[in-house]
Structures are given as structure tokens and as C-alpha cells.
Amino acid sequence: MFSVARTAFQKNSLKLFLRCQSTNALTKTQLPFTYTASGPSLIKYTTEHEWIAAHEDGTAFIGITKYAADALGDVTYVELPEAGSDIAEGDTISSIESVKSASEIYQPIAGSLTEANQNLENSPQLINEDPLGAGWIAKIKIKDAKDLENPELLSLEQYEKSLAEDNH
């Protein structure tokens, strides 16, 4: 009986639970969230473990998920993208080196790079400490907001589900 009740509870409150408990949710006290008073209008994730937080004015922040940061291990260097460049969806915008490996970071949607997180230059460990907040990598101006509707971009719930499926 307990497992039936637990299953019903899980089905009815999965979205709420993930938003409140997920380590892959944005840090609400950091710039990617606080850029506008109302916070981002949309947050999406990629299967390559990047996130994008889009705001109403067409500005978006890009970074990597907690899952990706944990998989990398202790970050030692972040190659920052150059502001002013137009970047197509899928292009490399940055690379991260750690004691375990190096990883390329890809642009989730097309846009113009307006700013790189200069704090990562002297404090690359911010990627490990707060990958969904202070460890954001790039700020862009979105080329076309309709790109955010791409079905390959995942909601938090879809992203978490994909992680669970990958671990089984």
C-alpha cells in the first residue's frame, strides 16, 4: 500500500519536486536568474548538459549543469568566448579543462555573444561551486526566440528524466 501511495504521490508532484529539489535548477540569487526582476521567462537544457536561461528582452545566459560539473571534476581552466561574435546553434562557445578531462561547451541556440563571465578567468572553480548561478559562461542576445521551441531543448523535468534513464 505504501508503494502505491508513493507512486501516486510521485506522479502528481514530480514537477514540483524537481523544481524544488533538483541540483540542476538555476540558483535564484545569481545573475542568470536575477538579470530581470521576474527572472528568466524560460529555462531549457541540452542533452550535452548545457542550460540556457532566456529573459523577456531576448537576453539569455548559458552554462553547464551540476551533472556536467560533477562529471568534469575540479575545474582548472575555462576558455572564455569573445564578446561581439555571432554564434550559430551547435557551435563551440567555450571549453572547460579539469583535473579529469576537457570538455567543449556548445551554443544551444543562435545568437550574438554579448558578454563572457570574466569571473571564471581567475576563479574557474565557480563552475564546480555554482554551475547554475555564479558559474555561468556566456550572455547572449537571442537571434530568434522561436529557436527556444526546438524540441531538442529539454525542460528541467525532461532533462532530469534523461539523466535517470542514462543511469539505468
Protein backbone atom coordinates (compact mmCIF):
# COMPACT_ATOMS: atom_id res chain seq x y z
CA MET A 1 0.00 0.00 0.00
CA PHE A 2 2.80 2.42 0.83
CA SER A 3 4.41 1.91 -2.58
CA VAL A 4 1.07 2.58 -4.33
CA ALA A 5 0.61 5.81 -2.39
CA ARG A 6 4.22 6.77 -3.07
CA THR A 7 3.78 6.11 -6.79
CA ALA A 8 0.63 8.25 -6.91
CA PHE A 9 2.41 10.98 -4.98
CA GLN A 10 5.39 10.82 -7.34
CA LYS A 11 3.20 11.11 -10.43
CA ASN A 12 1.20 14.02 -9.05
CA SER A 13 4.09 16.05 -7.72
CA LEU A 14 7.07 15.17 -9.91
CA LYS A 15 7.30 18.63 -11.48
CA LEU A 16 7.06 20.45 -8.16
CA PHE A 17 9.59 18.11 -6.56
CA LEU A 18 12.09 18.54 -9.38
CA ARG A 19 11.84 22.31 -9.34
CA CYS A 20 12.33 22.46 -5.58
CA GLN A 21 14.89 19.69 -5.12
CA SER A 22 16.87 19.50 -8.34
CA THR A 23 20.53 20.31 -8.25
CA ASN A 24 20.16 21.19 -11.95
CA ALA A 25 17.81 24.11 -11.29
CA LEU A 26 19.10 27.69 -11.57
CA THR A 27 20.43 29.43 -8.47
CA LYS A 28 17.79 32.06 -7.78
CA THR A 29 20.19 34.54 -6.16
CA GLN A 30 22.67 34.80 -9.05
CA LEU A 31 22.76 36.89 -12.25
CA PRO A 32 21.31 34.33 -14.69
CA PHE A 33 18.14 34.41 -12.57
CA THR A 34 18.21 37.98 -11.21
CA TYR A 35 19.03 39.71 -14.52
CA THR A 36 15.37 40.73 -14.64
CA ALA A 37 13.11 41.24 -11.64
CA SER A 38 10.79 38.45 -12.76
CA GLY A 39 13.60 36.00 -13.51
CA PRO A 40 14.02 34.12 -16.77
CA SER A 41 10.94 33.51 -18.89
CA LEU A 42 12.25 30.10 -19.96
CA ILE A 43 15.00 27.72 -18.88
CA LYS A 44 16.00 24.85 -21.15
CA TYR A 45 18.62 22.10 -21.07
CA THR A 46 20.51 20.15 -23.72
CA THR A 47 21.46 16.51 -23.88
CA GLU A 48 25.08 17.76 -23.85
CA HIS A 49 24.38 19.14 -20.32
CA GLU A 50 24.26 22.86 -21.09
CA TRP A 51 21.50 25.14 -19.85
CA ILE A 52 20.08 28.35 -21.27
CA ALA A 53 18.07 30.86 -19.25
CA ALA A 54 16.16 33.24 -21.54
CA HIS A 55 14.73 36.57 -20.40
CA GLU A 56 11.86 38.57 -21.91
CA ASP A 57 14.21 41.14 -23.50
CA GLY A 58 15.93 38.49 -25.62
CA THR A 59 18.96 38.17 -23.35
CA ALA A 60 19.99 34.67 -22.31
CA PHE A 61 22.65 33.15 -20.10
CA ILE A 62 24.39 29.85 -20.89
CA GLY A 63 26.26 27.47 -18.62
CA ILE A 64 26.65 23.81 -17.75
CA THR A 65 24.55 21.71 -15.40
CA LYS A 66 25.54 20.40 -11.99
CA TYR A 67 25.64 16.94 -13.51
CA ALA A 68 28.25 18.11 -16.05
CA ALA A 69 30.27 19.99 -13.44
CA ASP A 70 30.38 16.91 -11.21
CA ALA A 71 31.41 14.71 -14.13
CA LEU A 72 34.26 17.08 -15.01
CA GLY A 73 35.70 17.17 -11.51
CA ASP A 74 37.74 20.11 -10.26
CA VAL A 75 37.79 22.75 -12.99
CA THR A 76 41.23 24.30 -13.53
CA TYR A 77 40.67 26.50 -16.60
CA VAL A 78 37.79 27.96 -18.61
CA GLU A 79 38.39 29.25 -22.13
CA LEU A 80 36.05 32.21 -22.34
CA PRO A 81 34.23 33.16 -25.54
CA GLU A 82 34.84 36.56 -27.15
CA ALA A 83 32.08 39.15 -26.94
CA GLY A 84 30.75 40.57 -30.18
CA SER A 85 30.67 37.38 -32.20
CA ASP A 86 27.62 35.79 -33.80
CA ILE A 87 27.41 32.11 -32.94
CA ALA A 88 25.27 29.50 -34.67
CA GLU A 89 23.38 26.79 -32.82
CA GLY A 90 25.73 23.90 -32.07
CA ASP A 91 28.96 25.91 -32.41
CA THR A 92 31.57 25.68 -29.67
CA ILE A 93 31.48 28.74 -27.41
CA SER A 94 33.89 27.65 -24.70
CA SER A 95 35.95 24.81 -23.36
CA ILE A 96 36.49 23.73 -19.79
CA GLU A 97 39.55 21.90 -18.51
CA SER A 98 39.58 19.94 -15.29
CA VAL A 99 41.80 17.50 -13.46
CA LYS A 100 39.81 14.69 -15.13
CA SER A 101 39.23 15.89 -18.68
CA ALA A 102 38.42 18.73 -21.06
CA SER A 103 35.01 19.45 -22.49
CA GLU A 104 33.63 21.68 -25.22
CA ILE A 105 30.59 23.85 -24.45
CA TYR A 106 28.09 24.27 -27.29
CA GLN A 107 25.73 27.10 -28.16
CA PRO A 108 22.16 25.81 -27.58
CA ILE A 109 20.58 28.37 -29.98
CA ALA A 110 21.85 31.00 -32.40
CA GLY A 111 22.72 34.41 -31.01
CA SER A 112 25.23 37.18 -30.57
CA LEU A 113 27.66 36.84 -27.69
CA THR A 114 27.43 40.00 -25.59
CA GLU A 115 29.48 39.04 -22.54
CA ALA A 116 31.60 36.26 -21.07
CA ASN A 117 31.75 35.65 -17.33
CA GLN A 118 35.14 37.22 -16.59
CA ASN A 119 35.00 35.91 -13.00
CA LEU A 120 35.80 32.46 -14.40
CA GLU A 121 39.18 33.69 -15.61
CA ASN A 122 40.57 33.95 -12.07
CA SER A 123 38.08 31.63 -10.36
CA PRO A 124 37.34 28.65 -12.62
CA GLN A 125 36.17 26.73 -9.55
CA LEU A 126 32.91 28.72 -9.74
CA ILE A 127 31.87 26.11 -12.33
CA ASN A 128 32.06 23.48 -9.56
CA GLU A 129 30.72 25.65 -6.76
CA ASP A 130 27.68 27.09 -8.56
CA PRO A 131 27.38 25.94 -12.20
CA LEU A 132 23.80 27.18 -12.47
CA GLY A 133 24.49 30.59 -10.99
CA ALA A 134 27.83 32.31 -10.43
CA GLY A 135 29.46 29.84 -12.83
CA TRP A 136 27.50 30.96 -15.92
CA ILE A 137 29.71 31.07 -19.01
CA ALA A 138 28.16 33.40 -21.59
CA LYS A 139 25.49 36.03 -22.01
CA ILE A 140 23.93 36.25 -25.46
CA LYS A 141 21.30 38.17 -27.39
CA ILE A 142 18.99 35.55 -28.89
CA LYS A 143 18.74 35.74 -32.68
CA ASP A 144 15.22 34.23 -32.89
CA ALA A 145 13.12 33.44 -29.81
CA LYS A 146 11.33 30.70 -31.76
CA ASP A 147 14.58 28.69 -31.54
CA LEU A 148 13.73 28.15 -27.86
CA GLU A 149 10.80 25.99 -29.03
CA ASN A 150 13.20 23.43 -30.53
CA PRO A 151 12.05 20.02 -29.24
CA GLU A 152 15.70 19.05 -28.67
CA LEU A 153 15.83 21.62 -25.86
CA LEU A 154 14.54 19.99 -22.69
CA SER A 155 12.56 21.22 -19.72
CA LEU A 156 14.03 20.55 -16.27
CA GLU A 157 11.70 17.57 -15.90
CA GLN A 158 12.75 16.12 -19.27
CA TYR A 159 16.43 16.69 -18.50
CA GLU A 160 16.19 15.00 -15.09
CA LYS A 161 14.30 12.10 -16.66
CA SER A 162 17.01 11.70 -19.32
CA LEU A 163 19.66 11.56 -16.58
CA ALA A 164 17.70 8.89 -14.72
CA GLU A 165 17.32 6.85 -17.93
CA ASP A 166 21.04 7.16 -18.69
CA ASN A 167 21.88 5.81 -15.22
CA HIS A 168 19.77 2.67 -15.65
